[in-house]
Amino acid sequence: RFPSVNMSLASPWANPPIIGNDVWIAAKSIVFQGVKIGNGAVIGAGSV
């Protein structure tokens, strides 16, 4: 948030996850940055 900070530092959101098509992510799941979830995948409830 501070202009004086070295802006070459990577943004906290620089590597968003990629979620394909027809994916079901069930309740209370967490998906980290940098991961790829393929087409038709199912993520069980509460998964990380």
PDB file of all heavy atoms in Angstrom:
ATOM      1  N   ARG A   1       0.810  -1.217   0.000  1.00  0.00           N
ATOM      2  CA  ARG A   1       0.000   0.000   0.000  1.00  0.00           C
ATOM      3  C   ARG A   1       0.847   1.273   0.000  1.00  0.00           C
ATOM      4  O   ARG A   1       0.323   2.367  -0.195  1.00  0.00           O
ATOM      5  CB  ARG A   1      -0.922   0.017   1.227  1.00  0.00           C
ATOM      6  CG  ARG A   1      -1.952  -1.112   1.225  1.00  0.00           C
ATOM      7  CD  ARG A   1      -2.824  -1.028   2.462  1.00  0.00           C
ATOM      8  NE  ARG A   1      -3.813  -2.105   2.485  1.00  0.00           N
ATOM      9  CZ  ARG A   1      -5.037  -2.010   1.973  1.00  0.00           C
ATOM     10  NH1 ARG A   1      -5.410  -0.889   1.383  1.00  0.00           N
ATOM     11  NH2 ARG A   1      -5.879  -3.022   2.042  1.00  0.00           N
ATOM     12  N   PHE A   2       2.164   1.147   0.233  1.00  0.00           N
ATOM     13  CA  PHE A   2       3.012   2.324   0.359  1.00  0.00           C
ATOM     14  C   PHE A   2       3.802   2.563  -0.915  1.00  0.00           C
ATOM     15  O   PHE A   2       4.495   1.664  -1.411  1.00  0.00           O
ATOM     16  CB  PHE A   2       3.962   2.169   1.546  1.00  0.00           C
ATOM     17  CG  PHE A   2       3.247   2.114   2.869  1.00  0.00           C
ATOM     18  CD1 PHE A   2       2.893   0.894   3.423  1.00  0.00           C
ATOM     19  CD2 PHE A   2       2.897   3.275   3.532  1.00  0.00           C
ATOM     20  CE1 PHE A   2       2.219   0.832   4.636  1.00  0.00           C
ATOM     21  CE2 PHE A   2       2.226   3.222   4.745  1.00  0.00           C
ATOM     22  CZ  PHE A   2       1.881   2.010   5.293  1.00  0.00           C
ATOM     23  N   PRO A   3       3.737   3.792  -1.481  1.00  0.00           N
ATOM     24  CA  PRO A   3       4.431   4.097  -2.747  1.00  0.00           C
ATOM     25  C   PRO A   3       5.936   3.905  -2.674  1.00  0.00           C
ATOM     26  O   PRO A   3       6.585   3.620  -3.681  1.00  0.00           O
ATOM     27  CB  PRO A   3       4.077   5.573  -2.988  1.00  0.00           C
ATOM     28  CG  PRO A   3       2.896   5.855  -2.144  1.00  0.00           C
ATOM     29  CD  PRO A   3       2.977   4.941  -0.967  1.00  0.00           C
ATOM     30  N   SER A   4       6.512   4.081  -1.491  1.00  0.00           N
ATOM     31  CA  SER A   4       7.967   4.001  -1.357  1.00  0.00           C
ATOM     32  C   SER A   4       8.492   2.574  -1.377  1.00  0.00           C
ATOM     33  O   SER A   4       9.693   2.346  -1.496  1.00  0.00           O
ATOM     34  CB  SER A   4       8.406   4.682  -0.060  1.00  0.00           C
ATOM     35  OG  SER A   4       7.767   4.077   1.055  1.00  0.00           O
ATOM     36  N   VAL A   5       7.592   1.604  -1.289  1.00  0.00           N
ATOM     37  CA  VAL A   5       8.018   0.197  -1.281  1.00  0.00           C
ATOM     38  C   VAL A   5       8.412  -0.230  -2.686  1.00  0.00           C
ATOM     39  O   VAL A   5       7.817   0.195  -3.678  1.00  0.00           O
ATOM     40  CB  VAL A   5       6.883  -0.700  -0.742  1.00  0.00           C
ATOM     41  CG1 VAL A   5       7.217  -2.177  -0.931  1.00  0.00           C
ATOM     42  CG2 VAL A   5       6.649  -0.398   0.721  1.00  0.00           C
ATOM     43  N   ASN A   6       9.434  -1.047  -2.791  1.00  0.00           N
ATOM     44  CA  ASN A   6       9.907  -1.558  -4.083  1.00  0.00           C
ATOM     45  C   ASN A   6       8.772  -2.290  -4.792  1.00  0.00           C
ATOM     46  O   ASN A   6       8.349  -3.361  -4.372  1.00  0.00           O
ATOM     47  CB  ASN A   6      11.090  -2.500  -3.859  1.00  0.00           C
ATOM     48  CG  ASN A   6      11.678  -3.013  -5.162  1.00  0.00           C
ATOM     49  OD1 ASN A   6      11.182  -2.711  -6.247  1.00  0.00           O
ATOM     50  ND2 ASN A   6      12.746  -3.785  -5.047  1.00  0.00           N
ATOM     51  N   MET A   7       8.292  -1.727  -5.897  1.00  0.00           N
ATOM     52  CA  MET A   7       7.144  -2.301  -6.578  1.00  0.00           C
ATOM     53  C   MET A   7       7.512  -3.536  -7.399  1.00  0.00           C
ATOM     54  O   MET A   7       6.654  -4.137  -8.038  1.00  0.00           O
ATOM     55  CB  MET A   7       6.494  -1.261  -7.489  1.00  0.00           C
ATOM     56  CG  MET A   7       5.907  -0.084  -6.712  1.00  0.00           C
ATOM     57  SD  MET A   7       4.851  -0.597  -5.336  1.00  0.00           S
ATOM     58  CE  MET A   7       3.499  -1.324  -6.221  1.00  0.00           C
ATOM     59  N   SER A   8       8.804  -3.891  -7.409  1.00  0.00           N
ATOM     60  CA  SER A   8       9.197  -5.122  -8.092  1.00  0.00           C
ATOM     61  C   SER A   8       8.793  -6.347  -7.284  1.00  0.00           C
ATOM     62  O   SER A   8       8.826  -7.472  -7.782  1.00  0.00           O
ATOM     63  CB  SER A   8      10.706  -5.143  -8.343  1.00  0.00           C
ATOM     64  OG  SER A   8      11.414  -5.191  -7.108  1.00  0.00           O
ATOM     65  N   LEU A   9       8.412  -6.125  -6.021  1.00  0.00           N
ATOM     66  CA  LEU A   9       7.916  -7.244  -5.222  1.00  0.00           C
ATOM     67  C   LEU A   9       6.641  -7.789  -5.856  1.00  0.00           C
ATOM     68  O   LEU A   9       5.781  -7.040  -6.300  1.00  0.00           O
ATOM     69  CB  LEU A   9       7.623  -6.780  -3.793  1.00  0.00           C
ATOM     70  CG  LEU A   9       8.832  -6.330  -2.949  1.00  0.00           C
ATOM     71  CD1 LEU A   9       8.353  -5.740  -1.636  1.00  0.00           C
ATOM     72  CD2 LEU A   9       9.768  -7.505  -2.694  1.00  0.00           C
ATOM     73  N   ALA A  10       6.552  -9.084  -5.920  1.00  0.00           N
ATOM     74  CA  ALA A  10       5.403  -9.715  -6.585  1.00  0.00           C
ATOM     75  C   ALA A  10       4.103  -9.355  -5.881  1.00  0.00           C
ATOM     76  O   ALA A  10       4.036  -9.292  -4.656  1.00  0.00           O
ATOM     77  CB  ALA A  10       5.589 -11.229  -6.605  1.00  0.00           C
ATOM     78  N   SER A  11       3.087  -9.104  -6.677  1.00  0.00           N
ATOM     79  CA  SER A  11       1.763  -8.847  -6.126  1.00  0.00           C
ATOM     80  C   SER A  11       1.263 -10.095  -5.395  1.00  0.00           C
ATOM     81  O   SER A  11       1.532 -11.224  -5.823  1.00  0.00           O
ATOM     82  CB  SER A  11       0.792  -8.490  -7.249  1.00  0.00           C
ATOM     83  OG  SER A  11      -0.549  -8.588  -6.801  1.00  0.00           O
ATOM     84  N   PRO A  12       0.540  -9.910  -4.299  1.00  0.00           N
ATOM     85  CA  PRO A  12      -0.012 -11.079  -3.595  1.00  0.00           C
ATOM     86  C   PRO A  12      -0.980 -11.894  -4.452  1.00  0.00           C
ATOM     87  O   PRO A  12      -1.289 -13.031  -4.123  1.00  0.00           O
ATOM     88  CB  PRO A  12      -0.740 -10.446  -2.406  1.00  0.00           C
ATOM     89  CG  PRO A  12      -0.122  -9.102  -2.229  1.00  0.00           C
ATOM     90  CD  PRO A  12       0.273  -8.652  -3.606  1.00  0.00           C
ATOM     91  N   TRP A  13      -1.458 -11.294  -5.563  1.00  0.00           N
ATOM     92  CA  TRP A  13      -2.432 -11.981  -6.419  1.00  0.00           C
ATOM     93  C   TRP A  13      -1.890 -12.173  -7.837  1.00  0.00           C
ATOM     94  O   TRP A  13      -2.624 -12.139  -8.807  1.00  0.00           O
ATOM     95  CB  TRP A  13      -3.737 -11.199  -6.458  1.00  0.00           C
ATOM     96  CG  TRP A  13      -4.322 -11.029  -5.088  1.00  0.00           C
ATOM     97  CD1 TRP A  13      -5.090 -11.918  -4.404  1.00  0.00           C
ATOM     98  CD2 TRP A  13      -4.168  -9.905  -4.222  1.00  0.00           C
ATOM     99  NE1 TRP A  13      -5.430 -11.432  -3.174  1.00  0.00           N
ATOM    100  CE2 TRP A  13      -4.870 -10.189  -3.023  1.00  0.00           C
ATOM    101  CE3 TRP A  13      -3.495  -8.681  -4.332  1.00  0.00           C
ATOM    102  CZ2 TRP A  13      -4.924  -9.303  -1.952  1.00  0.00           C
ATOM    103  CZ3 TRP A  13      -3.546  -7.804  -3.267  1.00  0.00           C
ATOM    104  CH2 TRP A  13      -4.259  -8.114  -2.096  1.00  0.00           C
ATOM    105  N   ALA A  14      -0.570 -12.384  -7.939  1.00  0.00           N
ATOM    106  CA  ALA A  14       0.087 -12.404  -9.250  1.00  0.00           C
ATOM    107  C   ALA A  14      -0.097 -13.711 -10.011  1.00  0.00           C
ATOM    108  O   ALA A  14       0.133 -13.767 -11.216  1.00  0.00           O
ATOM    109  CB  ALA A  14       1.583 -12.129  -9.087  1.00  0.00           C
ATOM    110  N   ASN A  15      -0.519 -14.763  -9.324  1.00  0.00           N
ATOM    111  CA  ASN A  15      -0.568 -16.084  -9.961  1.00  0.00           C
ATOM    112  C   ASN A  15      -1.930 -16.738  -9.711  1.00  0.00           C
ATOM    113  O   ASN A  15      -2.031 -17.731  -8.987  1.00  0.00           O
ATOM    114  CB  ASN A  15       0.564 -16.956  -9.412  1.00  0.00           C
ATOM    115  CG  ASN A  15       0.774 -18.212 -10.227  1.00  0.00           C
ATOM    116  OD1 ASN A  15       0.312 -18.315 -11.366  1.00  0.00           O
ATOM    117  ND2 ASN A  15       1.453 -19.180  -9.646  1.00  0.00           N
ATOM    118  N   PRO A  16      -2.991 -16.205 -10.321  1.00  0.00           N
ATOM    119  CA  PRO A  16      -4.346 -16.690 -10.010  1.00  0.00           C
ATOM    120  C   PRO A  16      -4.552 -18.145 -10.414  1.00  0.00           C
ATOM    121  O   PRO A  16      -3.962 -18.605 -11.394  1.00  0.00           O
ATOM    122  CB  PRO A  16      -5.243 -15.765 -10.833  1.00  0.00           C
ATOM    123  CG  PRO A  16      -4.385 -15.278 -11.952  1.00  0.00           C
ATOM    124  CD  PRO A  16      -3.006 -15.166 -11.368  1.00  0.00           C
ATOM    125  N   PRO A  17      -5.364 -18.871  -9.665  1.00  0.00           N
ATOM    126  CA  PRO A  17      -5.689 -20.241 -10.077  1.00  0.00           C
ATOM    127  C   PRO A  17      -6.499 -20.237 -11.361  1.00  0.00           C
ATOM    128  O   PRO A  17      -7.224 -19.272 -11.649  1.00  0.00           O
ATOM    129  CB  PRO A  17      -6.518 -20.773  -8.906  1.00  0.00           C
ATOM    130  CG  PRO A  17      -7.093 -19.554  -8.256  1.00  0.00           C
ATOM    131  CD  PRO A  17      -6.072 -18.471  -8.437  1.00  0.00           C
ATOM    132  N   ILE A  18      -6.368 -21.310 -12.121  1.00  0.00           N
ATOM    133  CA  ILE A  18      -7.123 -21.474 -13.364  1.00  0.00           C
ATOM    134  C   ILE A  18      -8.108 -22.623 -13.160  1.00  0.00           C
ATOM    135  O   ILE A  18      -7.701 -23.753 -12.889  1.00  0.00           O
ATOM    136  CB  ILE A  18      -6.197 -21.755 -14.552  1.00  0.00           C
ATOM    137  CG1 ILE A  18      -5.243 -20.568 -14.756  1.00  0.00           C
ATOM    138  CG2 ILE A  18      -7.015 -22.012 -15.824  1.00  0.00           C
ATOM    139  CD1 ILE A  18      -4.208 -20.796 -15.832  1.00  0.00           C
ATOM    140  N   ILE A  19      -9.371 -22.325 -13.274  1.00  0.00           N
ATOM    141  CA  ILE A  19     -10.429 -23.320 -13.089  1.00  0.00           C
ATOM    142  C   ILE A  19     -11.070 -23.558 -14.444  1.00  0.00           C
ATOM    143  O   ILE A  19     -11.506 -22.615 -15.103  1.00  0.00           O
ATOM    144  CB  ILE A  19     -11.455 -22.831 -12.059  1.00  0.00           C
ATOM    145  CG1 ILE A  19     -10.765 -22.632 -10.701  1.00  0.00           C
ATOM    146  CG2 ILE A  19     -12.609 -23.819 -11.931  1.00  0.00           C
ATOM    147  CD1 ILE A  19     -11.626 -21.947  -9.664  1.00  0.00           C
ATOM    148  N   GLY A  20     -11.110 -24.812 -14.862  1.00  0.00           N
ATOM    149  CA  GLY A  20     -11.587 -25.152 -16.204  1.00  0.00           C
ATOM    150  C   GLY A  20     -13.086 -24.986 -16.355  1.00  0.00           C
ATOM    151  O   GLY A  20     -13.679 -23.992 -15.932  1.00  0.00           O
ATOM    152  N   ASN A  21     -13.719 -25.972 -16.947  1.00  0.00           N
ATOM    153  CA  ASN A  21     -15.148 -25.925 -17.255  1.00  0.00           C
ATOM    154  C   ASN A  21     -15.863 -27.107 -16.604  1.00  0.00           C
ATOM    155  O   ASN A  21     -15.275 -28.175 -16.437  1.00  0.00           O
ATOM    156  CB  ASN A  21     -15.353 -25.975 -18.773  1.00  0.00           C
ATOM    157  CG  ASN A  21     -14.574 -24.908 -19.498  1.00  0.00           C
ATOM    158  OD1 ASN A  21     -14.951 -23.748 -19.540  1.00  0.00           O
ATOM    159  ND2 ASN A  21     -13.427 -25.297 -20.077  1.00  0.00           N
ATOM    160  N   ASP A  22     -17.124 -26.914 -16.255  1.00  0.00           N
ATOM    161  CA  ASP A  22     -17.933 -27.983 -15.656  1.00  0.00           C
ATOM    162  C   ASP A  22     -17.297 -28.512 -14.376  1.00  0.00           C
ATOM    163  O   ASP A  22     -17.308 -29.709 -14.104  1.00  0.00           O
ATOM    164  CB  ASP A  22     -18.147 -29.115 -16.677  1.00  0.00           C
ATOM    165  CG  ASP A  22     -19.182 -30.127 -16.210  1.00  0.00           C
ATOM    166  OD1 ASP A  22     -20.134 -29.723 -15.514  1.00  0.00           O
ATOM    167  OD2 ASP A  22     -19.028 -31.326 -16.526  1.00  0.00           O
ATOM    168  N   VAL A  23     -16.723 -27.619 -13.595  1.00  0.00           N
ATOM    169  CA  VAL A  23     -16.088 -27.979 -12.324  1.00  0.00           C
ATOM    170  C   VAL A  23     -17.072 -27.735 -11.183  1.00  0.00           C
ATOM    171  O   VAL A  23     -17.804 -26.738 -11.179  1.00  0.00           O
ATOM    172  CB  VAL A  23     -14.809 -27.144 -12.103  1.00  0.00           C
ATOM    173  CG1 VAL A  23     -14.228 -27.379 -10.703  1.00  0.00           C
ATOM    174  CG2 VAL A  23     -13.776 -27.475 -13.176  1.00  0.00           C
ATOM    175  N   TRP A  24     -17.100 -28.647 -10.224  1.00  0.00           N
ATOM    176  CA  TRP A  24     -17.896 -28.455  -9.018  1.00  0.00           C
ATOM    177  C   TRP A  24     -16.943 -28.331  -7.836  1.00  0.00           C
ATOM    178  O   TRP A  24     -16.213 -29.283  -7.526  1.00  0.00           O
ATOM    179  CB  TRP A  24     -18.854 -29.624  -8.812  1.00  0.00           C
ATOM    180  CG  TRP A  24     -19.613 -29.604  -7.510  1.00  0.00           C
ATOM    181  CD1 TRP A  24     -19.863 -28.519  -6.713  1.00  0.00           C
ATOM    182  CD2 TRP A  24     -20.208 -30.724  -6.848  1.00  0.00           C
ATOM    183  NE1 TRP A  24     -20.583 -28.883  -5.610  1.00  0.00           N
ATOM    184  CE2 TRP A  24     -20.810 -30.233  -5.669  1.00  0.00           C
ATOM    185  CE3 TRP A  24     -20.298 -32.079  -7.151  1.00  0.00           C
ATOM    186  CZ2 TRP A  24     -21.478 -31.070  -4.783  1.00  0.00           C
ATOM    187  CZ3 TRP A  24     -20.976 -32.915  -6.268  1.00  0.00           C
ATOM    188  CH2 TRP A  24     -21.562 -32.409  -5.099  1.00  0.00           C
ATOM    189  N   ILE A  25     -16.955 -27.169  -7.191  1.00  0.00           N
ATOM    190  CA  ILE A  25     -16.171 -26.942  -5.980  1.00  0.00           C
ATOM    191  C   ILE A  25     -17.154 -26.875  -4.820  1.00  0.00           C
ATOM    192  O   ILE A  25     -17.929 -25.918  -4.703  1.00  0.00           O
ATOM    193  CB  ILE A  25     -15.352 -25.641  -6.085  1.00  0.00           C
ATOM    194  CG1 ILE A  25     -14.419 -25.705  -7.295  1.00  0.00           C
ATOM    195  CG2 ILE A  25     -14.548 -25.406  -4.808  1.00  0.00           C
ATOM    196  CD1 ILE A  25     -13.625 -24.441  -7.540  1.00  0.00           C
ATOM    197  N   ALA A  26     -17.147 -27.899  -3.979  1.00  0.00           N
ATOM    198  CA  ALA A  26     -18.143 -27.988  -2.916  1.00  0.00           C
ATOM    199  C   ALA A  26     -17.828 -27.019  -1.770  1.00  0.00           C
ATOM    200  O   ALA A  26     -16.749 -26.436  -1.688  1.00  0.00           O
ATOM    201  CB  ALA A  26     -18.239 -29.423  -2.405  1.00  0.00           C
ATOM    202  N   ALA A  27     -18.786 -26.879  -0.876  1.00  0.00           N
ATOM    203  CA  ALA A  27     -18.772 -25.848   0.162  1.00  0.00           C
ATOM    204  C   ALA A  27     -17.514 -25.872   1.018  1.00  0.00           C
ATOM    205  O   ALA A  27     -16.930 -26.927   1.290  1.00  0.00           O
ATOM    206  CB  ALA A  27     -20.001 -26.017   1.061  1.00  0.00           C
ATOM    207  N   LYS A  28     -17.099 -24.661   1.416  1.00  0.00           N
ATOM    208  CA  LYS A  28     -16.005 -24.441   2.370  1.00  0.00           C
ATOM    209  C   LYS A  28     -14.650 -24.931   1.859  1.00  0.00           C
ATOM    210  O   LYS A  28     -13.754 -25.231   2.652  1.00  0.00           O
ATOM    211  CB  LYS A  28     -16.331 -25.078   3.726  1.00  0.00           C
ATOM    212  CG  LYS A  28     -17.576 -24.522   4.395  1.00  0.00           C
ATOM    213  CD  LYS A  28     -17.800 -25.126   5.771  1.00  0.00           C
ATOM    214  CE  LYS A  28     -19.101 -24.633   6.404  1.00  0.00           C
ATOM    215  NZ  LYS A  28     -19.132 -23.175   6.594  1.00  0.00           N
ATOM    216  N   SER A  29     -14.490 -25.008   0.562  1.00  0.00           N
ATOM    217  CA  SER A  29     -13.201 -25.391  -0.010  1.00  0.00           C
ATOM    218  C   SER A  29     -12.312 -24.165  -0.200  1.00  0.00           C
ATOM    219  O   SER A  29     -12.797 -23.040  -0.361  1.00  0.00           O
ATOM    220  CB  SER A  29     -13.398 -26.100  -1.346  1.00  0.00           C
ATOM    221  OG  SER A  29     -14.029 -27.351  -1.169  1.00  0.00           O
ATOM    222  N   ILE A  30     -11.006 -24.406  -0.179  1.00  0.00           N
ATOM    223  CA  ILE A  30     -10.014 -23.355  -0.407  1.00  0.00           C
ATOM    224  C   ILE A  30      -9.159 -23.757  -1.595  1.00  0.00           C
ATOM    225  O   ILE A  30      -8.663 -24.889  -1.658  1.00  0.00           O
ATOM    226  CB  ILE A  30      -9.124 -23.155   0.840  1.00  0.00           C
ATOM    227  CG1 ILE A  30      -9.971 -22.715   2.034  1.00  0.00           C
ATOM    228  CG2 ILE A  30      -8.014 -22.142   0.561  1.00  0.00           C
ATOM    229  CD1 ILE A  30      -9.201 -22.666   3.345  1.00  0.00           C
ATOM    230  N   VAL A  31      -8.999 -22.856  -2.555  1.00  0.00           N
ATOM    231  CA  VAL A  31      -8.184 -23.109  -3.738  1.00  0.00           C
ATOM    232  C   VAL A  31      -7.032 -22.119  -3.738  1.00  0.00           C
ATOM    233  O   VAL A  31      -7.246 -20.900  -3.788  1.00  0.00           O
ATOM    234  CB  VAL A  31      -9.011 -22.965  -5.039  1.00  0.00           C
ATOM    235  CG1 VAL A  31      -8.122 -23.198  -6.257  1.00  0.00           C
ATOM    236  CG2 VAL A  31     -10.180 -23.949  -5.035  1.00  0.00           C
ATOM    237  N   PHE A  32      -5.802 -22.630  -3.679  1.00  0.00           N
ATOM    238  CA  PHE A  32      -4.619 -21.781  -3.616  1.00  0.00           C
ATOM    239  C   PHE A  32      -4.316 -21.150  -4.972  1.00  0.00           C
ATOM    240  O   PHE A  32      -4.742 -21.643  -6.015  1.00  0.00           O
ATOM    241  CB  PHE A  32      -3.405 -22.602  -3.173  1.00  0.00           C
ATOM    242  CG  PHE A  32      -3.299 -22.786  -1.683  1.00  0.00           C
ATOM    243  CD1 PHE A  32      -4.423 -22.885  -0.886  1.00  0.00           C
ATOM    244  CD2 PHE A  32      -2.059 -22.880  -1.081  1.00  0.00           C
ATOM    245  CE1 PHE A  32      -4.326 -23.069   0.486  1.00  0.00           C
ATOM    246  CE2 PHE A  32      -1.942 -23.065   0.288  1.00  0.00           C
ATOM    247  CZ  PHE A  32      -3.065 -23.155   1.074  1.00  0.00           C
ATOM    248  N   GLN A  33      -3.540 -20.093  -4.920  1.00  0.00           N
ATOM    249  CA  GLN A  33      -3.030 -19.507  -6.146  1.00  0.00           C
ATOM    250  C   GLN A  33      -2.089 -20.482  -6.853  1.00  0.00           C
ATOM    251  O   GLN A  33      -1.468 -21.342  -6.239  1.00  0.00           O
ATOM    252  CB  GLN A  33      -2.266 -18.212  -5.843  1.00  0.00           C
ATOM    253  CG  GLN A  33      -3.179 -17.055  -5.551  1.00  0.00           C
ATOM    254  CD  GLN A  33      -2.498 -15.727  -5.788  1.00  0.00           C
ATOM    255  OE1 GLN A  33      -1.774 -15.542  -6.757  1.00  0.00           O
ATOM    256  NE2 GLN A  33      -2.742 -14.799  -4.896  1.00  0.00           N
ATOM    257  N   GLY A  34      -1.995 -20.329  -8.176  1.00  0.00           N
ATOM    258  CA  GLY A  34      -1.035 -21.098  -8.950  1.00  0.00           C
ATOM    259  C   GLY A  34      -1.472 -22.482  -9.349  1.00  0.00           C
ATOM    260  O   GLY A  34      -0.780 -23.150 -10.107  1.00  0.00           O
ATOM    261  N   VAL A  35      -2.638 -22.956  -8.861  1.00  0.00           N
ATOM    262  CA  VAL A  35      -3.074 -24.308  -9.217  1.00  0.00           C
ATOM    263  C   VAL A  35      -3.997 -24.256 -10.425  1.00  0.00           C
ATOM    264  O   VAL A  35      -4.610 -23.235 -10.716  1.00  0.00           O
ATOM    265  CB  VAL A  35      -3.783 -25.018  -8.040  1.00  0.00           C
ATOM    266  CG1 VAL A  35      -2.891 -25.075  -6.814  1.00  0.00           C
ATOM    267  CG2 VAL A  35      -5.102 -24.348  -7.707  1.00  0.00           C
ATOM    268  N   LYS A  36      -4.080 -25.377 -11.110  1.00  0.00           N
ATOM    269  CA  LYS A  36      -4.987 -25.520 -12.249  1.00  0.00           C
ATOM    270  C   LYS A  36      -5.945 -26.667 -11.970  1.00  0.00           C
ATOM    271  O   LYS A  36      -5.516 -27.787 -11.690  1.00  0.00           O
ATOM    272  CB  LYS A  36      -4.211 -25.790 -13.534  1.00  0.00           C
ATOM    273  CG  LYS A  36      -5.106 -25.915 -14.762  1.00  0.00           C
ATOM    274  CD  LYS A  36      -4.292 -26.117 -16.030  1.00  0.00           C
ATOM    275  CE  LYS A  36      -5.205 -26.241 -17.254  1.00  0.00           C
ATOM    276  NZ  LYS A  36      -4.430 -26.447 -18.502  1.00  0.00           N
ATOM    277  N   ILE A  37      -7.238 -26.392 -12.047  1.00  0.00           N
ATOM    278  CA  ILE A  37      -8.267 -27.409 -11.854  1.00  0.00           C
ATOM    279  C   ILE A  37      -8.850 -27.744 -13.224  1.00  0.00           C
ATOM    280  O   ILE A  37      -9.378 -26.880 -13.911  1.00  0.00           O
ATOM    281  CB  ILE A  37      -9.362 -26.923 -10.895  1.00  0.00           C
ATOM    282  CG1 ILE A  37      -8.756 -26.610  -9.522  1.00  0.00           C
ATOM    283  CG2 ILE A  37     -10.459 -27.973 -10.764  1.00  0.00           C
ATOM    284  CD1 ILE A  37      -9.754 -26.087  -8.515  1.00  0.00           C
ATOM    285  N   GLY A  38      -8.725 -28.997 -13.614  1.00  0.00           N
ATOM    286  CA  GLY A  38      -9.113 -29.414 -14.960  1.00  0.00           C
ATOM    287  C   GLY A  38     -10.611 -29.477 -15.166  1.00  0.00           C
ATOM    288  O   GLY A  38     -11.415 -29.428 -14.220  1.00  0.00           O
ATOM    289  N   ASN A  39     -10.997 -29.636 -16.420  1.00  0.00           N
ATOM    290  CA  ASN A  39     -12.414 -29.736 -16.787  1.00  0.00           C
ATOM    291  C   ASN A  39     -13.088 -30.893 -16.053  1.00  0.00           C
ATOM    292  O   ASN A  39     -12.513 -31.969 -15.894  1.00  0.00           O
ATOM    293  CB  ASN A  39     -12.547 -29.963 -18.291  1.00  0.00           C
ATOM    294  CG  ASN A  39     -11.997 -28.812 -19.100  1.00  0.00           C
ATOM    295  OD1 ASN A  39     -12.122 -27.653 -18.724  1.00  0.00           O
ATOM    296  ND2 ASN A  39     -11.370 -29.137 -20.237  1.00  0.00           N
ATOM    297  N   GLY A  40     -14.325 -30.680 -15.635  1.00  0.00           N
ATOM    298  CA  GLY A  40     -15.123 -31.760 -15.066  1.00  0.00           C
ATOM    299  C   GLY A  40     -14.700 -32.243 -13.698  1.00  0.00           C
ATOM    300  O   GLY A  40     -15.249 -33.219 -13.188  1.00  0.00           O
ATOM    301  N   ALA A  41     -13.733 -31.572 -13.065  1.00  0.00           N
ATOM    302  CA  ALA A  41     -13.252 -32.020 -11.759  1.00  0.00           C
ATOM    303  C   ALA A  41     -14.286 -31.741 -10.672  1.00  0.00           C
ATOM    304  O   ALA A  41     -15.143 -30.863 -10.803  1.00  0.00           O
ATOM    305  CB  ALA A  41     -11.932 -31.339 -11.422  1.00  0.00           C
ATOM    306  N   VAL A  42     -14.189 -32.501  -9.583  1.00  0.00           N
ATOM    307  CA  VAL A  42     -15.048 -32.305  -8.415  1.00  0.00           C
ATOM    308  C   VAL A  42     -14.147 -32.140  -7.200  1.00  0.00           C
ATOM    309  O   VAL A  42     -13.275 -32.977  -6.938  1.00  0.00           O
ATOM    310  CB  VAL A  42     -15.995 -33.502  -8.204  1.00  0.00           C
ATOM    311  CG1 VAL A  42     -16.776 -33.342  -6.899  1.00  0.00           C
ATOM    312  CG2 VAL A  42     -16.952 -33.635  -9.377  1.00  0.00           C
ATOM    313  N   ILE A  43     -14.363 -31.051  -6.462  1.00  0.00           N
ATOM    314  CA  ILE A  43     -13.596 -30.767  -5.247  1.00  0.00           C
ATOM    315  C   ILE A  43     -14.508 -31.005  -4.053  1.00  0.00           C
ATOM    316  O   ILE A  43     -15.520 -30.319  -3.894  1.00  0.00           O
ATOM    317  CB  ILE A  43     -13.078 -29.312  -5.240  1.00  0.00           C
ATOM    318  CG1 ILE A  43     -12.439 -28.942  -6.585  1.00  0.00           C
ATOM    319  CG2 ILE A  43     -12.133 -29.097  -4.077  1.00  0.00           C
ATOM    320  CD1 ILE A  43     -11.257 -29.780  -6.974  1.00  0.00           C
ATOM    321  N   GLY A  44     -14.173 -31.988  -3.231  1.00  0.00           N
ATOM    322  CA  GLY A  44     -15.017 -32.333  -2.092  1.00  0.00           C
ATOM    323  C   GLY A  44     -15.116 -31.213  -1.068  1.00  0.00           C
ATOM    324  O   GLY A  44     -14.219 -30.369  -0.948  1.00  0.00           O
ATOM    325  N   ALA A  45     -16.193 -31.199  -0.326  1.00  0.00           N
ATOM    326  CA  ALA A  45     -16.444 -30.141   0.654  1.00  0.00           C
ATOM    327  C   ALA A  45     -15.300 -30.031   1.654  1.00  0.00           C
ATOM    328  O   ALA A  45     -14.779 -31.036   2.150  1.00  0.00           O
ATOM    329  CB  ALA A  45     -17.757 -30.413   1.378  1.00  0.00           C
ATOM    330  N   GLY A  46     -14.890 -28.809   1.937  1.00  0.00           N
ATOM    331  CA  GLY A  46     -13.846 -28.567   2.924  1.00  0.00           C
ATOM    332  C   GLY A  46     -12.444 -28.881   2.461  1.00  0.00           C
ATOM    333  O   GLY A  46     -11.518 -28.889   3.278  1.00  0.00           O
ATOM    334  N   SER A  47     -12.258 -29.103   1.178  1.00  0.00           N
ATOM    335  CA  SER A  47     -10.929 -29.450   0.668  1.00  0.00           C
ATOM    336  C   SER A  47     -10.030 -28.219   0.604  1.00  0.00           C
ATOM    337  O   SER A  47     -10.492 -27.084   0.478  1.00  0.00           O
ATOM    338  CB  SER A  47     -11.040 -30.065  -0.734  1.00  0.00           C
ATOM    339  OG  SER A  47     -11.729 -31.293  -0.692  1.00  0.00           O
ATOM    340  N   VAL A  48      -8.719 -28.479   0.673  1.00  0.00           N
ATOM    341  CA  VAL A  48      -7.713 -27.437   0.485  1.00  0.00           C
ATOM    342  C   VAL A  48      -6.875 -27.839  -0.721  1.00  0.00           C
ATOM    343  O   VAL A  48      -6.104 -28.800  -0.666  1.00  0.00           O
ATOM    344  CB  VAL A  48      -6.833 -27.267   1.729  1.00  0.00           C
ATOM    345  CG1 VAL A  48      -5.762 -26.196   1.490  1.00  0.00           C
ATOM    346  CG2 VAL A  48      -7.683 -26.898   2.943  1.00  0.00           C
TER     347      VAL A  48
END
